[in-house]
Structures are given as C-alpha cells and as structure tokens.
Amino acid sequence: MSENYKFFSNKKCEFFPCHKVDDTENFNCLFCYCPLYALGEKCGGNYRYSKKGIKDCTLCLLPHKRENYDYIINKFNEIVDIVRKK
C-alpha cells in the first residue's frame, strides 16, 4: 500500500512553507492546523509559552514531518477525552 493519504504538500499556498525548513519536498501540509495544539504540554512537539501564556508552536515541525502521521493519529483519543470533558 502506498499510504499517500498520509502526506499532502500544497506548494501553491501563499504561506508555504509556514515554518523555516531545509527540505520543502517532505513538508507535510496535511495537518496545517495542528490537531495536537489542544493537548498543551502533552502534544509532544517543540513549543513554548509566550509571556502572555499563549502556546507558541512556531519552532515545531512535528505535524509537518511525513513520518509523524501515525503519531498524530494515535493522539486522537486524548483529544476526544478533552472534548468529552467539556
């Protein structure tokens, strides 16, 4: 199986790439807005908090790496738990 569903790169997007990277050929746009943001410190990415307490993910490439698709999908149960509590 080719697993093409795990990767999408939109090179025509006016924001491409949205992070500084050396390898634009493997920049994954599938998770343009990171579904792990809501997990806060449990997301597993490279983030920091601003002085105002806002999560800043500008240095994080976790959702944009081809090989991290399965990691993100496996975190969906944690996201569902957050939504279920509200």
Protein backbone atom coordinates (compact mmCIF):
# COMPACT_ATOMS: atom_id res chain seq x y z
CA MET A 1 0.00 0.00 0.00
CA SER A 2 1.40 3.42 -0.94
CA GLU A 3 -0.02 5.38 2.04
CA ASN A 4 -0.36 8.59 0.00
CA TYR A 5 -3.20 9.63 2.32
CA LYS A 6 -0.56 10.38 4.99
CA PHE A 7 1.07 13.20 3.06
CA PHE A 8 -0.02 16.34 1.23
CA SER A 9 2.13 19.28 0.22
CA ASN A 10 0.48 22.48 -1.04
CA LYS A 11 3.35 24.34 -2.68
CA LYS A 12 0.93 26.86 -4.22
CA CYS A 13 -0.19 28.05 -0.78
CA GLU A 14 0.83 31.65 -0.12
CA PHE A 15 2.18 30.57 3.27
CA PHE A 16 4.22 27.58 2.04
CA PRO A 17 6.20 26.63 3.95
CA CYS A 18 4.77 28.09 7.15
CA HIS A 19 7.95 27.16 9.07
CA LYS A 20 11.59 27.57 8.10
CA VAL A 21 12.78 24.22 6.74
CA ASP A 22 15.61 22.93 4.61
CA ASP A 23 13.60 20.19 2.90
CA THR A 24 10.40 21.55 1.32
CA GLU A 25 9.92 18.33 -0.68
CA ASN A 26 8.95 16.50 2.50
CA PHE A 27 6.98 19.30 4.16
CA ASN A 28 3.56 17.87 5.05
CA CYS A 29 0.60 20.29 4.90
CA LEU A 30 -1.96 17.63 5.86
CA PHE A 31 -2.12 18.95 9.42
CA CYS A 32 -1.90 22.63 8.51
CA TYR A 33 -3.58 23.49 11.81
CA CYS A 34 -2.10 21.11 14.34
CA PRO A 35 -4.74 18.89 15.94
CA LEU A 36 -2.41 18.41 18.91
CA TYR A 37 -2.50 22.07 19.99
CA ALA A 38 -5.31 21.37 22.46
CA LEU A 39 -3.16 18.81 24.27
CA GLY A 40 -0.97 21.59 25.65
CA GLU A 41 2.16 20.12 27.24
CA LYS A 42 1.14 16.59 26.20
CA CYS A 43 1.37 17.27 22.45
CA GLY A 44 4.94 16.03 22.11
CA GLY A 45 6.04 18.91 19.91
CA ASN A 46 8.61 21.67 20.22
CA TYR A 47 6.58 24.52 21.71
CA ARG A 48 6.98 27.28 24.24
CA TYR A 49 4.62 29.60 26.06
CA SER A 50 4.69 33.35 25.48
CA LYS A 51 4.83 35.82 28.35
CA LYS A 52 1.04 36.10 27.99
CA GLY A 53 0.62 32.34 28.42
CA ILE A 54 -0.15 31.58 24.75
CA LYS A 55 1.23 28.35 23.33
CA ASP A 56 3.73 29.24 20.58
CA CYS A 57 4.40 26.46 18.07
CA THR A 58 6.44 28.43 15.53
CA LEU A 59 9.50 26.23 16.13
CA CYS A 60 7.56 22.95 15.94
CA LEU A 61 7.68 20.75 12.86
CA LEU A 62 6.03 17.66 14.37
CA PRO A 63 2.81 17.87 12.28
CA HIS A 64 4.77 18.76 9.14
CA LYS A 65 7.02 15.72 9.01
CA ARG A 66 5.85 12.88 6.80
CA GLU A 67 6.84 10.24 9.38
CA ASN A 68 4.69 11.73 12.19
CA TYR A 69 1.27 10.90 10.70
CA ASP A 70 0.83 7.79 12.85
CA TYR A 71 1.96 9.64 15.99
CA ILE A 72 -0.72 12.30 15.44
CA ILE A 73 -3.46 9.80 14.65
CA ASN A 74 -2.60 7.85 17.81
CA LYS A 75 -3.11 11.02 19.89
CA PHE A 76 -6.72 11.50 18.77
CA ASN A 77 -8.13 9.58 21.74
CA GLU A 78 -6.53 12.14 24.06
CA ILE A 79 -8.13 14.96 22.06
CA VAL A 80 -11.51 13.22 22.27
CA ASP A 81 -11.09 12.95 26.06
CA ILE A 82 -10.58 16.72 26.28
CA VAL A 83 -13.72 17.40 24.26
CA ARG A 84 -15.73 14.81 26.17
CA LYS A 85 -14.94 16.54 29.49
CA LYS A 86 -16.40 19.82 28.29
